[in-house]
Amino acid sequence: MIATDVRTGRARRLSAGDAAAAVLASASIPGVYPVVRFDGVDLVDGGVASNTPISDAAELGATKIGTPRHLGVNWRGLRRLVLP
């Protein structure tokens, strides 16, 4: 799960701790849902900082990464960038 730190504006990977709170934080759309406190940090939807966290997926060992076509991803370039 990726969420955005409200104070710094940076993406934060949530890979340990309360799973329910991580899901809520990563989907907390600003202005629609409240900020979620997770490990003492106020978090909102991860899309605020990174709407397609490809580097996080690659760091975690992903060998295939798919994104919705409407994001305009260059699939050939993505393959060269992320996959071995």
PDB file of N, CA and C in Angstrom:
ATOM      1  N   MET A   1       0.842  -1.165   0.000  1.00  0.00           N
ATOM      2  CA  MET A   1       0.000   0.000   0.000  1.00  0.00           C
ATOM      3  C   MET A   1       0.894   1.237   0.000  1.00  0.00           C
ATOM      4  N   ILE A   2       0.467   2.250  -0.753  1.00  0.00           N
ATOM      5  CA  ILE A   2       1.171   3.520  -0.778  1.00  0.00           C
ATOM      6  C   ILE A   2       0.205   4.597  -0.301  1.00  0.00           C
ATOM      7  N   ALA A   3       0.669   5.427   0.606  1.00  0.00           N
ATOM      8  CA  ALA A   3      -0.113   6.558   1.092  1.00  0.00           C
ATOM      9  C   ALA A   3       0.781   7.789   1.046  1.00  0.00           C
ATOM     10  N   THR A   4       0.190   8.957   1.206  1.00  0.00           N
ATOM     11  CA  THR A   4       0.943  10.206   1.163  1.00  0.00           C
ATOM     12  C   THR A   4       0.972  10.845   2.541  1.00  0.00           C
ATOM     13  N   ASP A   5       2.162  11.199   3.010  1.00  0.00           N
ATOM     14  CA  ASP A   5       2.343  11.899   4.274  1.00  0.00           C
ATOM     15  C   ASP A   5       1.824  13.329   4.089  1.00  0.00           C
ATOM     16  N   VAL A   6       0.826  13.712   4.865  1.00  0.00           N
ATOM     17  CA  VAL A   6       0.206  15.031   4.730  1.00  0.00           C
ATOM     18  C   VAL A   6       1.212  16.149   5.011  1.00  0.00           C
ATOM     19  N   ARG A   7       2.086  15.951   5.959  1.00  0.00           N
ATOM     20  CA  ARG A   7       3.036  16.990   6.352  1.00  0.00           C
ATOM     21  C   ARG A   7       4.118  17.218   5.308  1.00  0.00           C
ATOM     22  N   THR A   8       4.669  16.139   4.743  1.00  0.00           N
ATOM     23  CA  THR A   8       5.793  16.275   3.815  1.00  0.00           C
ATOM     24  C   THR A   8       5.377  16.199   2.344  1.00  0.00           C
ATOM     25  N   GLY A   9       4.221  15.581   2.061  1.00  0.00           N
ATOM     26  CA  GLY A   9       3.783  15.395   0.685  1.00  0.00           C
ATOM     27  C   GLY A   9       4.471  14.227  -0.013  1.00  0.00           C
ATOM     28  N   ARG A  10       5.225  13.457   0.724  1.00  0.00           N
ATOM     29  CA  ARG A  10       5.962  12.324   0.143  1.00  0.00           C
ATOM     30  C   ARG A  10       5.179  11.020   0.260  1.00  0.00           C
ATOM     31  N   ALA A  11       5.419  10.146  -0.722  1.00  0.00           N
ATOM     32  CA  ALA A  11       4.804   8.819  -0.698  1.00  0.00           C
ATOM     33  C   ALA A  11       5.436   7.994   0.418  1.00  0.00           C
ATOM     34  N   ARG A  12       4.614   7.171   1.032  1.00  0.00           N
ATOM     35  CA  ARG A  12       5.103   6.294   2.097  1.00  0.00           C
ATOM     36  C   ARG A  12       4.558   4.891   1.858  1.00  0.00           C
ATOM     37  N   ARG A  13       5.459   3.917   1.815  1.00  0.00           N
ATOM     38  CA  ARG A  13       5.074   2.527   1.612  1.00  0.00           C
ATOM     39  C   ARG A  13       4.625   1.945   2.949  1.00  0.00           C
ATOM     40  N   LEU A  14       3.436   1.357   2.972  1.00  0.00           N
ATOM     41  CA  LEU A  14       2.887   0.749   4.184  1.00  0.00           C
ATOM     42  C   LEU A  14       2.935  -0.763   4.016  1.00  0.00           C
ATOM     43  N   SER A  15       3.984  -1.371   4.526  1.00  0.00           N
ATOM     44  CA  SER A  15       4.152  -2.812   4.331  1.00  0.00           C
ATOM     45  C   SER A  15       4.161  -3.586   5.645  1.00  0.00           C
ATOM     46  N   ALA A  16       3.942  -2.895   6.747  1.00  0.00           N
ATOM     47  CA  ALA A  16       3.877  -3.567   8.048  1.00  0.00           C
ATOM     48  C   ALA A  16       2.913  -2.791   8.930  1.00  0.00           C
ATOM     49  N   GLY A  17       2.342  -3.475   9.894  1.00  0.00           N
ATOM     50  CA  GLY A  17       1.430  -2.813  10.820  1.00  0.00           C
ATOM     51  C   GLY A  17      -0.012  -3.190  10.553  1.00  0.00           C
ATOM     52  N   ASP A  18      -0.917  -2.325  10.984  1.00  0.00           N
ATOM     53  CA  ASP A  18      -2.354  -2.552  10.892  1.00  0.00           C
ATOM     54  C   ASP A  18      -2.810  -2.506   9.429  1.00  0.00           C
ATOM     55  N   ALA A  19      -3.174  -3.656   8.871  1.00  0.00           N
ATOM     56  CA  ALA A  19      -3.548  -3.745   7.458  1.00  0.00           C
ATOM     57  C   ALA A  19      -4.792  -2.923   7.145  1.00  0.00           C
ATOM     58  N   ALA A  20      -5.777  -2.946   8.030  1.00  0.00           N
ATOM     59  CA  ALA A  20      -7.008  -2.185   7.784  1.00  0.00           C
ATOM     60  C   ALA A  20      -6.723  -0.687   7.729  1.00  0.00           C
ATOM     61  N   ALA A  21      -5.900  -0.204   8.639  1.00  0.00           N
ATOM     62  CA  ALA A  21      -5.543   1.219   8.640  1.00  0.00           C
ATOM     63  C   ALA A  21      -4.738   1.584   7.392  1.00  0.00           C
ATOM     64  N   ALA A  22      -3.889   0.670   6.931  1.00  0.00           N
ATOM     65  CA  ALA A  22      -3.101   0.919   5.724  1.00  0.00           C
ATOM     66  C   ALA A  22      -4.007   1.053   4.505  1.00  0.00           C
ATOM     67  N   VAL A  23      -5.009   0.183   4.400  1.00  0.00           N
ATOM     68  CA  VAL A  23      -5.954   0.255   3.280  1.00  0.00           C
ATOM     69  C   VAL A  23      -6.744   1.556   3.343  1.00  0.00           C
ATOM     70  N   LEU A  24      -7.210   1.915   4.528  1.00  0.00           N
ATOM     71  CA  LEU A  24      -7.958   3.164   4.682  1.00  0.00           C
ATOM     72  C   LEU A  24      -7.102   4.372   4.315  1.00  0.00           C
ATOM     73  N   ALA A  25      -5.859   4.379   4.773  1.00  0.00           N
ATOM     74  CA  ALA A  25      -4.960   5.505   4.480  1.00  0.00           C
ATOM     75  C   ALA A  25      -4.688   5.610   2.990  1.00  0.00           C
ATOM     76  N   SER A  26      -4.439   4.490   2.341  1.00  0.00           N
ATOM     77  CA  SER A  26      -4.083   4.519   0.924  1.00  0.00           C
ATOM     78  C   SER A  26      -5.258   4.913   0.032  1.00  0.00           C
ATOM     79  N   ALA A  27      -6.470   4.863   0.574  1.00  0.00           N
ATOM     80  CA  ALA A  27      -7.655   5.215  -0.203  1.00  0.00           C
ATOM     81  C   ALA A  27      -8.357   6.465   0.325  1.00  0.00           C
ATOM     82  N   SER A  28      -7.720   7.172   1.235  1.00  0.00           N
ATOM     83  CA  SER A  28      -8.329   8.353   1.850  1.00  0.00           C
ATOM     84  C   SER A  28      -8.188   9.569   0.936  1.00  0.00           C
ATOM     85  N   ILE A  29      -9.153   9.743   0.043  1.00  0.00           N
ATOM     86  CA  ILE A  29      -9.126  10.837  -0.929  1.00  0.00           C
ATOM     87  C   ILE A  29      -9.318  12.162  -0.190  1.00  0.00           C
ATOM     88  N   PRO A  30      -8.363  13.081  -0.333  1.00  0.00           N
ATOM     89  CA  PRO A  30      -8.474  14.379   0.360  1.00  0.00           C
ATOM     90  C   PRO A  30      -9.766  15.118  -0.020  1.00  0.00           C
ATOM     91  N   GLY A  31     -10.429  15.651   0.984  1.00  0.00           N
ATOM     92  CA  GLY A  31     -11.672  16.368   0.753  1.00  0.00           C
ATOM     93  C   GLY A  31     -12.902  15.483   0.715  1.00  0.00           C
ATOM     94  N   VAL A  32     -12.682  14.175   0.626  1.00  0.00           N
ATOM     95  CA  VAL A  32     -13.799  13.228   0.596  1.00  0.00           C
ATOM     96  C   VAL A  32     -13.799  12.395   1.867  1.00  0.00           C
ATOM     97  N   TYR A  33     -12.629  11.865   2.234  1.00  0.00           N
ATOM     98  CA  TYR A  33     -12.487  11.043   3.432  1.00  0.00           C
ATOM     99  C   TYR A  33     -11.495  11.704   4.385  1.00  0.00           C
ATOM    100  N   PRO A  34     -11.599  11.403   5.666  1.00  0.00           N
ATOM    101  CA  PRO A  34     -10.679  12.026   6.627  1.00  0.00           C
ATOM    102  C   PRO A  34      -9.261  11.466   6.519  1.00  0.00           C
ATOM    103  N   VAL A  35      -8.337  12.251   7.012  1.00  0.00           N
ATOM    104  CA  VAL A  35      -6.937  11.827   7.121  1.00  0.00           C
ATOM    105  C   VAL A  35      -6.879  10.625   8.056  1.00  0.00           C
ATOM    106  N   VAL A  36      -5.972   9.679   7.788  1.00  0.00           N
ATOM    107  CA  VAL A  36      -5.816   8.487   8.622  1.00  0.00           C
ATOM    108  C   VAL A  36      -4.475   8.560   9.333  1.00  0.00           C
ATOM    109  N   ARG A  37      -4.506   8.371  10.646  1.00  0.00           N
ATOM    110  CA  ARG A  37      -3.269   8.364  11.426  1.00  0.00           C
ATOM    111  C   ARG A  37      -2.724   6.938  11.430  1.00  0.00           C
ATOM    112  N   PHE A  38      -1.471   6.771  10.989  1.00  0.00           N
ATOM    113  CA  PHE A  38      -0.833   5.454  10.894  1.00  0.00           C
ATOM    114  C   PHE A  38       0.592   5.608  11.406  1.00  0.00           C
ATOM    115  N   ASP A  39       0.942   4.888  12.452  1.00  0.00           N
ATOM    116  CA  ASP A  39       2.273   4.990  13.081  1.00  0.00           C
ATOM    117  C   ASP A  39       2.646   6.429  13.414  1.00  0.00           C
ATOM    118  N   GLY A  40       1.671   7.198  13.887  1.00  0.00           N
ATOM    119  CA  GLY A  40       1.940   8.570  14.306  1.00  0.00           C
ATOM    120  C   GLY A  40       2.056   9.577  13.179  1.00  0.00           C
ATOM    121  N   VAL A  41       1.713   9.168  11.951  1.00  0.00           N
ATOM    122  CA  VAL A  41       1.811  10.052  10.786  1.00  0.00           C
ATOM    123  C   VAL A  41       0.430  10.191  10.160  1.00  0.00           C
ATOM    124  N   ASP A  42       0.058  11.416   9.775  1.00  0.00           N
ATOM    125  CA  ASP A  42      -1.212  11.640   9.100  1.00  0.00           C
ATOM    126  C   ASP A  42      -1.051  11.349   7.614  1.00  0.00           C
ATOM    127  N   LEU A  43      -1.908  10.444   7.091  1.00  0.00           N
ATOM    128  CA  LEU A  43      -1.783   9.984   5.713  1.00  0.00           C
ATOM    129  C   LEU A  43      -3.077  10.152   4.932  1.00  0.00           C
ATOM    130  N   VAL A  44      -2.921  10.338   3.621  1.00  0.00           N
ATOM    131  CA  VAL A  44      -4.048  10.352   2.692  1.00  0.00           C
ATOM    132  C   VAL A  44      -3.695   9.457   1.506  1.00  0.00           C
ATOM    133  N   ASP A  45      -4.580   9.401   0.540  1.00  0.00           N
ATOM    134  CA  ASP A  45      -4.434   8.581  -0.656  1.00  0.00           C
ATOM    135  C   ASP A  45      -3.034   8.685  -1.265  1.00  0.00           C
ATOM    136  N   GLY A  46      -2.438   7.542  -1.563  1.00  0.00           N
ATOM    137  CA  GLY A  46      -1.099   7.506  -2.139  1.00  0.00           C
ATOM    138  C   GLY A  46      -1.008   8.130  -3.512  1.00  0.00           C
ATOM    139  N   GLY A  47      -2.126   8.221  -4.211  1.00  0.00           N
ATOM    140  CA  GLY A  47      -2.137   8.831  -5.528  1.00  0.00           C
ATOM    141  C   GLY A  47      -1.793  10.311  -5.517  1.00  0.00           C
ATOM    142  N   VAL A  48      -1.880  10.938  -4.364  1.00  0.00           N
ATOM    143  CA  VAL A  48      -1.507  12.350  -4.260  1.00  0.00           C
ATOM    144  C   VAL A  48      -0.019  12.518  -4.555  1.00  0.00           C
ATOM    145  N   ALA A  49       0.796  11.604  -4.049  1.00  0.00           N
ATOM    146  CA  ALA A  49       2.248  11.685  -4.251  1.00  0.00           C
ATOM    147  C   ALA A  49       2.716  10.863  -5.441  1.00  0.00           C
ATOM    148  N   SER A  50       2.059   9.738  -5.699  1.00  0.00           N
ATOM    149  CA  SER A  50       2.508   8.850  -6.773  1.00  0.00           C
ATOM    150  C   SER A  50       1.331   8.016  -7.254  1.00  0.00           C
ATOM    151  N   ASN A  51       0.741   8.410  -8.393  1.00  0.00           N
ATOM    152  CA  ASN A  51      -0.461   7.685  -8.820  1.00  0.00           C
ATOM    153  C   ASN A  51      -0.161   6.318  -9.418  1.00  0.00           C
ATOM    154  N   THR A  52       1.099   6.051  -9.780  1.00  0.00           N
ATOM    155  CA  THR A  52       1.503   4.736 -10.278  1.00  0.00           C
ATOM    156  C   THR A  52       2.863   4.399  -9.675  1.00  0.00           C
ATOM    157  N   PRO A  53       2.897   3.829  -8.468  1.00  0.00           N
ATOM    158  CA  PRO A  53       4.171   3.586  -7.778  1.00  0.00           C
ATOM    159  C   PRO A  53       4.945   2.385  -8.334  1.00  0.00           C
ATOM    160  N   ILE A  54       5.391   2.512  -9.577  1.00  0.00           N
ATOM    161  CA  ILE A  54       6.078   1.422 -10.264  1.00  0.00           C
ATOM    162  C   ILE A  54       7.390   1.066  -9.582  1.00  0.00           C
ATOM    163  N   SER A  55       8.134   2.067  -9.121  1.00  0.00           N
ATOM    164  CA  SER A  55       9.428   1.782  -8.488  1.00  0.00           C
ATOM    165  C   SER A  55       9.258   0.954  -7.223  1.00  0.00           C
ATOM    166  N   ASP A  56       8.174   1.200  -6.473  1.00  0.00           N
ATOM    167  CA  ASP A  56       7.924   0.397  -5.265  1.00  0.00           C
ATOM    168  C   ASP A  56       7.649  -1.052  -5.636  1.00  0.00           C
ATOM    169  N   ALA A  57       6.859  -1.266  -6.673  1.00  0.00           N
ATOM    170  CA  ALA A  57       6.560  -2.629  -7.115  1.00  0.00           C
ATOM    171  C   ALA A  57       7.833  -3.347  -7.547  1.00  0.00           C
ATOM    172  N   ALA A  58       8.689  -2.653  -8.286  1.00  0.00           N
ATOM    173  CA  ALA A  58       9.944  -3.254  -8.743  1.00  0.00           C
ATOM    174  C   ALA A  58      10.860  -3.581  -7.566  1.00  0.00           C
ATOM    175  N   GLU A  59      10.952  -2.665  -6.600  1.00  0.00           N
ATOM    176  CA  GLU A  59      11.784  -2.904  -5.410  1.00  0.00           C
ATOM    177  C   GLU A  59      11.303  -4.103  -4.612  1.00  0.00           C
ATOM    178  N   LEU A  60       9.996  -4.353  -4.650  1.00  0.00           N
ATOM    179  CA  LEU A  60       9.430  -5.485  -3.915  1.00  0.00           C
ATOM    180  C   LEU A  60       9.497  -6.787  -4.707  1.00  0.00           C
ATOM    181  N   GLY A  61      10.103  -6.743  -5.915  1.00  0.00           N
ATOM    182  CA  GLY A  61      10.330  -7.957  -6.674  1.00  0.00           C
ATOM    183  C   GLY A  61       9.362  -8.244  -7.796  1.00  0.00           C
ATOM    184  N   ALA A  62       8.506  -7.298  -8.141  1.00  0.00           N
ATOM    185  CA  ALA A  62       7.559  -7.530  -9.237  1.00  0.00           C
ATOM    186  C   ALA A  62       8.308  -7.738 -10.548  1.00  0.00           C
ATOM    187  N   THR A  63       7.882  -8.732 -11.303  1.00  0.00           N
ATOM    188  CA  THR A  63       8.480  -8.978 -12.612  1.00  0.00           C
ATOM    189  C   THR A  63       7.536  -8.592 -13.734  1.00  0.00           C
ATOM    190  N   LYS A  64       6.255  -8.419 -13.411  1.00  0.00           N
ATOM    191  CA  LYS A  64       5.270  -7.932 -14.368  1.00  0.00           C
ATOM    192  C   LYS A  64       4.450  -6.859 -13.672  1.00  0.00           C
ATOM    193  N   ILE A  65       4.319  -5.725 -14.335  1.00  0.00           N
ATOM    194  CA  ILE A  65       3.585  -4.611 -13.755  1.00  0.00           C
ATOM    195  C   ILE A  65       2.574  -4.123 -14.779  1.00  0.00           C
ATOM    196  N   GLY A  66       1.316  -4.041 -14.370  1.00  0.00           N
ATOM    197  CA  GLY A  66       0.278  -3.553 -15.267  1.00  0.00           C
ATOM    198  C   GLY A  66      -0.331  -2.278 -14.709  1.00  0.00           C
ATOM    199  N   THR A  67      -0.674  -1.379 -15.603  1.00  0.00           N
ATOM    200  CA  THR A  67      -1.354  -0.148 -15.215  1.00  0.00           C
ATOM    201  C   THR A  67      -2.506   0.071 -16.183  1.00  0.00           C
ATOM    202  N   PRO A  68      -3.495   0.832 -15.776  1.00  0.00           N
ATOM    203  CA  PRO A  68      -4.591   1.135 -16.700  1.00  0.00           C
ATOM    204  C   PRO A  68      -4.079   1.889 -17.921  1.00  0.00           C
ATOM    205  N   ARG A  69      -4.584   1.566 -19.090  1.00  0.00           N
ATOM    206  CA  ARG A  69      -4.133   2.202 -20.324  1.00  0.00           C
ATOM    207  C   ARG A  69      -4.358   3.708 -20.338  1.00  0.00           C
ATOM    208  N   HIS A  70      -5.369   4.191 -19.661  1.00  0.00           N
ATOM    209  CA  HIS A  70      -5.671   5.618 -19.733  1.00  0.00           C
ATOM    210  C   HIS A  70      -4.592   6.497 -19.100  1.00  0.00           C
ATOM    211  N   LEU A  71      -3.628   5.906 -18.412  1.00  0.00           N
ATOM    212  CA  LEU A  71      -2.547   6.690 -17.826  1.00  0.00           C
ATOM    213  C   LEU A  71      -1.487   7.070 -18.854  1.00  0.00           C
ATOM    214  N   GLY A  72      -1.589   6.537 -20.061  1.00  0.00           N
ATOM    215  CA  GLY A  72      -0.667   6.915 -21.120  1.00  0.00           C
ATOM    216  C   GLY A  72       0.727   6.341 -20.948  1.00  0.00           C
ATOM    217  N   VAL A  73       0.847   5.162 -20.368  1.00  0.00           N
ATOM    218  CA  VAL A  73       2.153   4.547 -20.148  1.00  0.00           C
ATOM    219  C   VAL A  73       2.686   3.993 -21.459  1.00  0.00           C
ATOM    220  N   ASN A  74       3.945   4.253 -21.742  1.00  0.00           N
ATOM    221  CA  ASN A  74       4.620   3.684 -22.905  1.00  0.00           C
ATOM    222  C   ASN A  74       5.060   2.273 -22.506  1.00  0.00           C
ATOM    223  N   TRP A  75       4.334   1.268 -22.951  1.00  0.00           N
ATOM    224  CA  TRP A  75       4.577  -0.108 -22.504  1.00  0.00           C
ATOM    225  C   TRP A  75       5.972  -0.603 -22.860  1.00  0.00           C
ATOM    226  N   ARG A  76       6.469  -0.291 -24.043  1.00  0.00           N
ATOM    227  CA  ARG A  76       7.811  -0.745 -24.410  1.00  0.00           C
ATOM    228  C   ARG A  76       8.859  -0.081 -23.526  1.00  0.00           C
ATOM    229  N   GLY A  77       8.699   1.208 -23.287  1.00  0.00           N
ATOM    230  CA  GLY A  77       9.631   1.918 -22.408  1.00  0.00           C
ATOM    231  C   GLY A  77       9.563   1.412 -20.980  1.00  0.00           C
ATOM    232  N   LEU A  78       8.367   1.095 -20.526  1.00  0.00           N
ATOM    233  CA  LEU A  78       8.193   0.561 -19.176  1.00  0.00           C
ATOM    234  C   LEU A  78       8.912  -0.761 -19.021  1.00  0.00           C
ATOM    235  N   ARG A  79       8.813  -1.621 -20.023  1.00  0.00           N
ATOM    236  CA  ARG A  79       9.489  -2.925 -19.963  1.00  0.00           C
ATOM    237  C   ARG A  79      10.997  -2.722 -19.823  1.00  0.00           C
ATOM    238  N   ARG A  80      11.561  -1.819 -20.580  1.00  0.00           N
ATOM    239  CA  ARG A  80      13.011  -1.570 -20.490  1.00  0.00           C
ATOM    240  C   ARG A  80      13.389  -0.957 -19.154  1.00  0.00           C
ATOM    241  N   LEU A  81      12.509  -0.113 -18.615  1.00  0.00           N
ATOM    242  CA  LEU A  81      12.796   0.578 -17.371  1.00  0.00           C
ATOM    243  C   LEU A  81      12.748  -0.346 -16.162  1.00  0.00           C
ATOM    244  N   VAL A  82      11.737  -1.202 -16.086  1.00  0.00           N
ATOM    245  CA  VAL A  82      11.458  -1.956 -14.859  1.00  0.00           C
ATOM    246  C   VAL A  82      11.882  -3.417 -14.902  1.00  0.00           C
ATOM    247  N   LEU A  83      11.615  -4.078 -15.997  1.00  0.00           N
ATOM    248  CA  LEU A  83      11.828  -5.518 -16.032  1.00  0.00           C
ATOM    249  C   LEU A  83      13.234  -5.879 -16.501  1.00  0.00           C
ATOM    250  N   PRO A  84      13.783  -6.979 -15.965  1.00  0.00           N
ATOM    251  CA  PRO A  84      15.135  -7.400 -16.384  1.00  0.00           C
ATOM    252  C   PRO A  84      15.152  -7.892 -17.814  1.00  0.00           C
TER     253      PRO A  84
END
